[in-house]
Amino acid sequence: MQKERLKMINERRHEAVTKHFKKNVNRRVFILTQAFPFMFIGKIKEVIEDIVVLDVETTSVAELEGKEWSVHIDSISVFYIETNIGPSIPELKG
């Protein structure tokens, strides 16, 4: 019973995070992942099922910037989407 409950919670989380990203297409986002390159700042271009497609401005490796990246929602550890409420994501290029 506990295993089924945890599976249901995980499915709801997955669905809610996917929906939140879809609702915020064309907004800037800050994402931390557990896998290389670990950090992304960019604009949400689109969401395809559970994949977030980003136009990446900044990442932890300069050679990987200015490209389109696809990030699986399950690989996202932490994220912040820039909205009209709350602080803006700083520009890290200069």
C-alpha atoms as a PDB file:
ATOM      1  CA  MET A   1       0.000   0.000   0.000  1.00  0.00           C
ATOM      2  CA  GLN A   2       2.810   2.441   0.886  1.00  0.00           C
ATOM      3  CA  LYS A   3       4.585   1.736  -2.426  1.00  0.00           C
ATOM      4  CA  GLU A   4       1.393   2.467  -4.398  1.00  0.00           C
ATOM      5  CA  ARG A   5       0.859   5.693  -2.467  1.00  0.00           C
ATOM      6  CA  LEU A   6       4.408   6.858  -3.184  1.00  0.00           C
ATOM      7  CA  LYS A   7       3.987   6.006  -6.869  1.00  0.00           C
ATOM      8  CA  MET A   8       0.773   8.065  -6.980  1.00  0.00           C
ATOM      9  CA  ILE A   9       2.496  11.031  -5.279  1.00  0.00           C
ATOM     10  CA  ASN A  10       5.394  10.856  -7.757  1.00  0.00           C
ATOM     11  CA  GLU A  11       2.994  10.742 -10.721  1.00  0.00           C
ATOM     12  CA  ARG A  12       1.113  13.798  -9.406  1.00  0.00           C
ATOM     13  CA  ARG A  13       4.371  15.677  -8.878  1.00  0.00           C
ATOM     14  CA  HIS A  14       5.546  14.799 -12.390  1.00  0.00           C
ATOM     15  CA  GLU A  15       2.229  15.956 -13.873  1.00  0.00           C
ATOM     16  CA  ALA A  16       2.207  19.203 -11.854  1.00  0.00           C
ATOM     17  CA  VAL A  17       5.799  20.128 -12.752  1.00  0.00           C
ATOM     18  CA  THR A  18       5.167  19.383 -16.446  1.00  0.00           C
ATOM     19  CA  LYS A  19       2.007  21.517 -16.398  1.00  0.00           C
ATOM     20  CA  HIS A  20       3.856  24.356 -14.628  1.00  0.00           C
ATOM     21  CA  PHE A  21       6.596  24.399 -17.275  1.00  0.00           C
ATOM     22  CA  LYS A  22       4.008  24.318 -20.100  1.00  0.00           C
ATOM     23  CA  LYS A  23       2.200  27.265 -18.519  1.00  0.00           C
ATOM     24  CA  ASN A  24       5.449  29.250 -18.503  1.00  0.00           C
ATOM     25  CA  VAL A  25       6.714  28.770 -22.073  1.00  0.00           C
ATOM     26  CA  ASN A  26       8.716  31.844 -23.232  1.00  0.00           C
ATOM     27  CA  ARG A  27       9.742  32.734 -19.668  1.00  0.00           C
ATOM     28  CA  ARG A  28      13.278  32.610 -18.280  1.00  0.00           C
ATOM     29  CA  VAL A  29      14.167  29.725 -16.008  1.00  0.00           C
ATOM     30  CA  PHE A  30      16.992  28.707 -13.688  1.00  0.00           C
ATOM     31  CA  ILE A  31      17.455  24.916 -13.442  1.00  0.00           C
ATOM     32  CA  LEU A  32      19.788  22.766 -11.356  1.00  0.00           C
ATOM     33  CA  THR A  33      20.226  19.095 -12.255  1.00  0.00           C
ATOM     34  CA  GLN A  34      22.205  16.245 -10.722  1.00  0.00           C
ATOM     35  CA  ALA A  35      23.935  15.512 -14.033  1.00  0.00           C
ATOM     36  CA  PHE A  36      26.422  17.486 -16.121  1.00  0.00           C
ATOM     37  CA  PRO A  37      26.264  20.375 -16.950  1.00  0.00           C
ATOM     38  CA  PHE A  38      24.349  20.828 -13.657  1.00  0.00           C
ATOM     39  CA  MET A  39      23.009  24.374 -14.200  1.00  0.00           C
ATOM     40  CA  PHE A  40      21.009  26.117 -16.909  1.00  0.00           C
ATOM     41  CA  ILE A  41      19.648  29.636 -17.290  1.00  0.00           C
ATOM     42  CA  GLY A  42      17.591  30.286 -20.378  1.00  0.00           C
ATOM     43  CA  LYS A  43      14.173  30.649 -21.920  1.00  0.00           C
ATOM     44  CA  ILE A  44      11.627  27.827 -21.983  1.00  0.00           C
ATOM     45  CA  LYS A  45      11.089  27.269 -25.696  1.00  0.00           C
ATOM     46  CA  GLU A  46       8.571  24.419 -25.467  1.00  0.00           C
ATOM     47  CA  VAL A  47       7.580  21.361 -23.466  1.00  0.00           C
ATOM     48  CA  ILE A  48       7.270  18.046 -25.295  1.00  0.00           C
ATOM     49  CA  GLU A  49       5.628  15.513 -22.998  1.00  0.00           C
ATOM     50  CA  ASP A  50       8.092  15.526 -20.061  1.00  0.00           C
ATOM     51  CA  ILE A  51      11.001  17.195 -21.849  1.00  0.00           C
ATOM     52  CA  VAL A  52      11.674  20.919 -21.402  1.00  0.00           C
ATOM     53  CA  VAL A  53      13.339  22.498 -24.443  1.00  0.00           C
ATOM     54  CA  LEU A  54      15.464  25.507 -23.497  1.00  0.00           C
ATOM     55  CA  ASP A  55      17.264  28.274 -25.347  1.00  0.00           C
ATOM     56  CA  VAL A  56      20.241  28.296 -22.998  1.00  0.00           C
ATOM     57  CA  GLU A  57      21.888  31.636 -22.173  1.00  0.00           C
ATOM     58  CA  THR A  58      24.186  30.450 -19.407  1.00  0.00           C
ATOM     59  CA  THR A  59      25.366  27.107 -18.096  1.00  0.00           C
ATOM     60  CA  SER A  60      28.264  25.903 -15.971  1.00  0.00           C
ATOM     61  CA  VAL A  61      30.376  25.419 -19.142  1.00  0.00           C
ATOM     62  CA  ALA A  62      30.721  28.440 -21.447  1.00  0.00           C
ATOM     63  CA  GLU A  63      31.215  26.263 -24.565  1.00  0.00           C
ATOM     64  CA  LEU A  64      27.719  24.819 -24.090  1.00  0.00           C
ATOM     65  CA  GLU A  65      25.967  28.205 -23.983  1.00  0.00           C
ATOM     66  CA  GLY A  66      23.881  29.703 -26.759  1.00  0.00           C
ATOM     67  CA  LYS A  67      22.472  26.337 -27.757  1.00  0.00           C
ATOM     68  CA  GLU A  68      19.178  24.523 -27.476  1.00  0.00           C
ATOM     69  CA  TRP A  69      19.055  21.924 -24.693  1.00  0.00           C
ATOM     70  CA  SER A  70      16.419  19.333 -23.863  1.00  0.00           C
ATOM     71  CA  VAL A  71      16.074  18.550 -20.161  1.00  0.00           C
ATOM     72  CA  HIS A  72      13.977  15.672 -18.831  1.00  0.00           C
ATOM     73  CA  ILE A  73      11.717  16.844 -16.009  1.00  0.00           C
ATOM     74  CA  ASP A  74      12.780  13.921 -13.791  1.00  0.00           C
ATOM     75  CA  SER A  75      16.398  15.130 -13.962  1.00  0.00           C
ATOM     76  CA  ILE A  76      15.521  18.579 -12.558  1.00  0.00           C
ATOM     77  CA  SER A  77      16.463  18.903  -8.888  1.00  0.00           C
ATOM     78  CA  VAL A  78      15.608  22.595  -8.414  1.00  0.00           C
ATOM     79  CA  PHE A  79      14.074  25.236 -10.667  1.00  0.00           C
ATOM     80  CA  TYR A  80      12.902  28.834 -10.559  1.00  0.00           C
ATOM     81  CA  ILE A  81      10.786  30.363 -13.312  1.00  0.00           C
ATOM     82  CA  GLU A  82      10.881  34.129 -13.673  1.00  0.00           C
ATOM     83  CA  THR A  83       7.420  35.711 -13.499  1.00  0.00           C
ATOM     84  CA  ASN A  84       6.059  39.184 -12.842  1.00  0.00           C
ATOM     85  CA  ILE A  85       5.966  38.217  -9.156  1.00  0.00           C
ATOM     86  CA  GLY A  86       9.249  37.738  -7.325  1.00  0.00           C
ATOM     87  CA  PRO A  87      12.846  38.501  -8.209  1.00  0.00           C
ATOM     88  CA  SER A  88      14.318  38.300 -11.690  1.00  0.00           C
ATOM     89  CA  ILE A  89      16.997  35.796 -12.627  1.00  0.00           C
ATOM     90  CA  PRO A  90      20.238  37.785 -12.921  1.00  0.00           C
ATOM     91  CA  GLU A  91      22.085  38.124 -16.208  1.00  0.00           C
ATOM     92  CA  LEU A  92      25.359  36.243 -15.653  1.00  0.00           C
ATOM     93  CA  LYS A  93      27.066  37.198 -18.919  1.00  0.00           C
ATOM     94  CA  GLY A  94      28.883  40.418 -19.045  1.00  0.00           C
END
